[in-house]
């Protein structure tokens, strides 16, 4: 199986674990760590809407909690037939762990075709640690 398709299959499986009783918009993520491990994540909503967390950030948080800081790719899977990419907050968080902007982002388009891009393409000119050093 193609590596992008395999990572996306993990994200699609993680989507089933999402807690999305309000939006009913379940999302799964699969984060490929530099050491070859894959960390799953899913969105977790809350009645206080801002307290929810996206699938991408749950995967990153779990990887960080497991001692991992270097990532190769992330696959994101939303409902069938709907093209999604990481939201703005998730793009910023992902860019924190991809200083060169080359972290791959994999998802399906509305027709189900697997598409890949980079976090740098999704968030050009991202705010990063270098900006803090200039302050």
C-alpha atoms as a PDB file:
ATOM      1  CA  UNK A   1       0.000   0.000   0.000  1.00  0.00           C
ATOM      2  CA  UNK A   2       1.160   3.509  -0.814  1.00  0.00           C
ATOM      3  CA  UNK A   3       2.601   5.196   2.343  1.00  0.00           C
ATOM      4  CA  UNK A   4       0.240   8.191   2.024  1.00  0.00           C
ATOM      5  CA  UNK A   5      -2.757   5.865   1.672  1.00  0.00           C
ATOM      6  CA  UNK A   6      -1.598   3.805   4.657  1.00  0.00           C
ATOM      7  CA  UNK A   7      -1.250   6.886   6.880  1.00  0.00           C
ATOM      8  CA  UNK A   8      -4.603   8.182   5.696  1.00  0.00           C
ATOM      9  CA  UNK A   9      -6.210   4.822   6.546  1.00  0.00           C
ATOM     10  CA  UNK A  10      -5.018   5.249  10.140  1.00  0.00           C
ATOM     11  CA  UNK A  11      -6.519   8.759  10.206  1.00  0.00           C
ATOM     12  CA  UNK A  12      -9.791   7.428   8.829  1.00  0.00           C
ATOM     13  CA  UNK A  13      -9.892   4.754  11.545  1.00  0.00           C
ATOM     14  CA  UNK A  14      -9.147   7.387  14.221  1.00  0.00           C
ATOM     15  CA  UNK A  15     -12.097   9.437  12.960  1.00  0.00           C
ATOM     16  CA  UNK A  16     -14.458   6.782  14.364  1.00  0.00           C
ATOM     17  CA  UNK A  17     -13.232   7.627  17.887  1.00  0.00           C
ATOM     18  CA  UNK A  18     -14.035  11.337  17.594  1.00  0.00           C
ATOM     19  CA  UNK A  19     -16.275  12.912  20.212  1.00  0.00           C
ATOM     20  CA  UNK A  20     -18.366  15.318  18.143  1.00  0.00           C
ATOM     21  CA  UNK A  21     -21.905  15.365  19.579  1.00  0.00           C
ATOM     22  CA  UNK A  22     -22.507  19.021  18.677  1.00  0.00           C
ATOM     23  CA  UNK A  23     -21.170  19.442  15.142  1.00  0.00           C
ATOM     24  CA  UNK A  24     -21.320  15.754  14.208  1.00  0.00           C
ATOM     25  CA  UNK A  25     -18.220  16.573  12.119  1.00  0.00           C
ATOM     26  CA  UNK A  26     -15.840  13.782  13.048  1.00  0.00           C
ATOM     27  CA  UNK A  27     -12.172  14.180  12.151  1.00  0.00           C
ATOM     28  CA  UNK A  28      -9.256  11.798  12.586  1.00  0.00           C
ATOM     29  CA  UNK A  29      -5.536  12.390  12.263  1.00  0.00           C
ATOM     30  CA  UNK A  30      -2.450  10.204  12.006  1.00  0.00           C
ATOM     31  CA  UNK A  31       0.915  11.774  12.763  1.00  0.00           C
ATOM     32  CA  UNK A  32       4.001  10.008  11.395  1.00  0.00           C
ATOM     33  CA  UNK A  33       6.855  10.569  13.817  1.00  0.00           C
ATOM     34  CA  UNK A  34      10.506  10.688  12.773  1.00  0.00           C
ATOM     35  CA  UNK A  35      11.126   7.342  14.534  1.00  0.00           C
ATOM     36  CA  UNK A  36       8.477   5.677  12.336  1.00  0.00           C
ATOM     37  CA  UNK A  37       5.751   5.454  14.969  1.00  0.00           C
ATOM     38  CA  UNK A  38       2.274   6.754  14.186  1.00  0.00           C
ATOM     39  CA  UNK A  39       0.235   8.702  16.731  1.00  0.00           C
ATOM     40  CA  UNK A  40      -3.526   8.814  16.241  1.00  0.00           C
ATOM     41  CA  UNK A  41      -5.743  11.740  17.161  1.00  0.00           C
ATOM     42  CA  UNK A  42      -9.405  12.686  16.880  1.00  0.00           C
ATOM     43  CA  UNK A  43     -11.402  15.818  17.542  1.00  0.00           C
ATOM     44  CA  UNK A  44     -12.927  16.175  21.002  1.00  0.00           C
ATOM     45  CA  UNK A  45     -15.748  18.702  21.319  1.00  0.00           C
ATOM     46  CA  UNK A  46     -17.074  20.339  24.459  1.00  0.00           C
ATOM     47  CA  UNK A  47     -20.354  22.065  25.321  1.00  0.00           C
ATOM     48  CA  UNK A  48     -18.183  25.149  25.860  1.00  0.00           C
ATOM     49  CA  UNK A  49     -17.186  25.244  22.190  1.00  0.00           C
ATOM     50  CA  UNK A  50     -13.759  26.923  22.543  1.00  0.00           C
ATOM     51  CA  UNK A  51     -12.682  24.133  24.917  1.00  0.00           C
ATOM     52  CA  UNK A  52     -12.752  21.571  22.095  1.00  0.00           C
ATOM     53  CA  UNK A  53      -9.594  20.374  20.378  1.00  0.00           C
ATOM     54  CA  UNK A  54      -8.918  19.311  16.811  1.00  0.00           C
ATOM     55  CA  UNK A  55      -7.711  15.872  15.751  1.00  0.00           C
ATOM     56  CA  UNK A  56      -4.345  17.187  14.604  1.00  0.00           C
ATOM     57  CA  UNK A  57      -3.585  18.777  17.963  1.00  0.00           C
ATOM     58  CA  UNK A  58      -4.654  15.697  19.931  1.00  0.00           C
ATOM     59  CA  UNK A  59      -2.209  13.644  17.850  1.00  0.00           C
ATOM     60  CA  UNK A  60       0.581  16.175  18.389  1.00  0.00           C
ATOM     61  CA  UNK A  61      -0.119  16.443  22.128  1.00  0.00           C
ATOM     62  CA  UNK A  62      -0.055  12.660  22.524  1.00  0.00           C
ATOM     63  CA  UNK A  63       3.195  12.419  20.552  1.00  0.00           C
ATOM     64  CA  UNK A  64       4.797  15.158  22.646  1.00  0.00           C
ATOM     65  CA  UNK A  65       3.605  13.445  25.840  1.00  0.00           C
ATOM     66  CA  UNK A  66       5.292  10.289  24.531  1.00  0.00           C
ATOM     67  CA  UNK A  67       8.618  12.103  24.124  1.00  0.00           C
ATOM     68  CA  UNK A  68       8.469  12.682  20.375  1.00  0.00           C
ATOM     69  CA  UNK A  69       9.269  16.071  18.860  1.00  0.00           C
ATOM     70  CA  UNK A  70      10.131  15.343  15.229  1.00  0.00           C
ATOM     71  CA  UNK A  71       7.507  14.513  12.629  1.00  0.00           C
ATOM     72  CA  UNK A  72       7.483  13.573   8.950  1.00  0.00           C
ATOM     73  CA  UNK A  73       3.812  13.791   7.950  1.00  0.00           C
ATOM     74  CA  UNK A  74       0.260  14.102   9.154  1.00  0.00           C
ATOM     75  CA  UNK A  75      -2.845  12.698   7.503  1.00  0.00           C
ATOM     76  CA  UNK A  76      -6.235  14.239   8.192  1.00  0.00           C
ATOM     77  CA  UNK A  77      -9.580  12.566   7.492  1.00  0.00           C
ATOM     78  CA  UNK A  78     -12.968  14.217   7.708  1.00  0.00           C
ATOM     79  CA  UNK A  79     -16.376  13.004   6.623  1.00  0.00           C
ATOM     80  CA  UNK A  80     -16.511  11.198   3.282  1.00  0.00           C
ATOM     81  CA  UNK A  81     -16.930  13.492   0.303  1.00  0.00           C
ATOM     82  CA  UNK A  82     -15.702  16.615   2.142  1.00  0.00           C
ATOM     83  CA  UNK A  83     -12.212  17.944   1.462  1.00  0.00           C
ATOM     84  CA  UNK A  84     -10.513  19.203   4.606  1.00  0.00           C
ATOM     85  CA  UNK A  85      -7.094  20.474   5.609  1.00  0.00           C
ATOM     86  CA  UNK A  86      -5.911  21.556   9.054  1.00  0.00           C
ATOM     87  CA  UNK A  87      -7.537  24.684  10.465  1.00  0.00           C
ATOM     88  CA  UNK A  88      -5.495  27.831  11.099  1.00  0.00           C
ATOM     89  CA  UNK A  89      -4.657  26.987  14.704  1.00  0.00           C
ATOM     90  CA  UNK A  90      -3.567  23.466  13.737  1.00  0.00           C
ATOM     91  CA  UNK A  91      -1.469  24.874  10.891  1.00  0.00           C
ATOM     92  CA  UNK A  92       0.326  27.125  13.367  1.00  0.00           C
ATOM     93  CA  UNK A  93       0.908  24.247  15.801  1.00  0.00           C
ATOM     94  CA  UNK A  94       2.167  21.976  13.019  1.00  0.00           C
ATOM     95  CA  UNK A  95       4.534  24.695  11.803  1.00  0.00           C
ATOM     96  CA  UNK A  96       6.074  24.808  15.299  1.00  0.00           C
ATOM     97  CA  UNK A  97       7.434  21.330  14.595  1.00  0.00           C
ATOM     98  CA  UNK A  98       8.477  21.979  10.989  1.00  0.00           C
ATOM     99  CA  UNK A  99      10.885  24.896  10.897  1.00  0.00           C
ATOM    100  CA  UNK A 100      11.662  24.195   7.242  1.00  0.00           C
ATOM    101  CA  UNK A 101       7.969  23.926   6.310  1.00  0.00           C
ATOM    102  CA  UNK A 102       8.421  20.467   4.760  1.00  0.00           C
ATOM    103  CA  UNK A 103       6.095  18.498   7.033  1.00  0.00           C
ATOM    104  CA  UNK A 104       3.770  16.652   4.637  1.00  0.00           C
ATOM    105  CA  UNK A 105       0.023  17.111   5.021  1.00  0.00           C
ATOM    106  CA  UNK A 106      -2.104  14.368   3.464  1.00  0.00           C
ATOM    107  CA  UNK A 107      -5.885  14.359   2.947  1.00  0.00           C
ATOM    108  CA  UNK A 108      -8.540  13.357   0.453  1.00  0.00           C
ATOM    109  CA  UNK A 109     -10.228  15.863  -1.809  1.00  0.00           C
ATOM    110  CA  UNK A 110     -14.018  15.928  -2.245  1.00  0.00           C
ATOM    111  CA  UNK A 111     -13.739  13.221  -4.920  1.00  0.00           C
ATOM    112  CA  UNK A 112     -11.789  10.909  -2.605  1.00  0.00           C
ATOM    113  CA  UNK A 113      -8.448  11.414  -4.332  1.00  0.00           C
ATOM    114  CA  UNK A 114      -5.454  11.528  -1.985  1.00  0.00           C
ATOM    115  CA  UNK A 115      -3.663  14.883  -2.097  1.00  0.00           C
ATOM    116  CA  UNK A 116      -0.436  15.865  -0.377  1.00  0.00           C
ATOM    117  CA  UNK A 117       1.075  19.256   0.300  1.00  0.00           C
ATOM    118  CA  UNK A 118       3.348  20.744   2.945  1.00  0.00           C
ATOM    119  CA  UNK A 119       2.663  22.810   6.014  1.00  0.00           C
ATOM    120  CA  UNK A 120       4.787  25.545   4.439  1.00  0.00           C
ATOM    121  CA  UNK A 121       2.446  25.686   1.455  1.00  0.00           C
ATOM    122  CA  UNK A 122      -0.599  25.809   3.755  1.00  0.00           C
ATOM    123  CA  UNK A 123       0.892  28.461   6.053  1.00  0.00           C
ATOM    124  CA  UNK A 124       3.496  30.553   4.243  1.00  0.00           C
ATOM    125  CA  UNK A 125       5.340  33.030   6.414  1.00  0.00           C
ATOM    126  CA  UNK A 126       4.338  31.237   9.625  1.00  0.00           C
ATOM    127  CA  UNK A 127       5.083  32.920  12.950  1.00  0.00           C
ATOM    128  CA  UNK A 128       7.880  31.035  14.646  1.00  0.00           C
ATOM    129  CA  UNK A 129      10.496  31.117  17.381  1.00  0.00           C
ATOM    130  CA  UNK A 130      12.814  33.382  15.400  1.00  0.00           C
ATOM    131  CA  UNK A 131      10.258  36.193  15.680  1.00  0.00           C
ATOM    132  CA  UNK A 132      10.392  35.903  19.472  1.00  0.00           C
ATOM    133  CA  UNK A 133      14.169  36.292  19.497  1.00  0.00           C
ATOM    134  CA  UNK A 134      13.865  39.621  17.696  1.00  0.00           C
ATOM    135  CA  UNK A 135      11.485  41.120  20.231  1.00  0.00           C
END
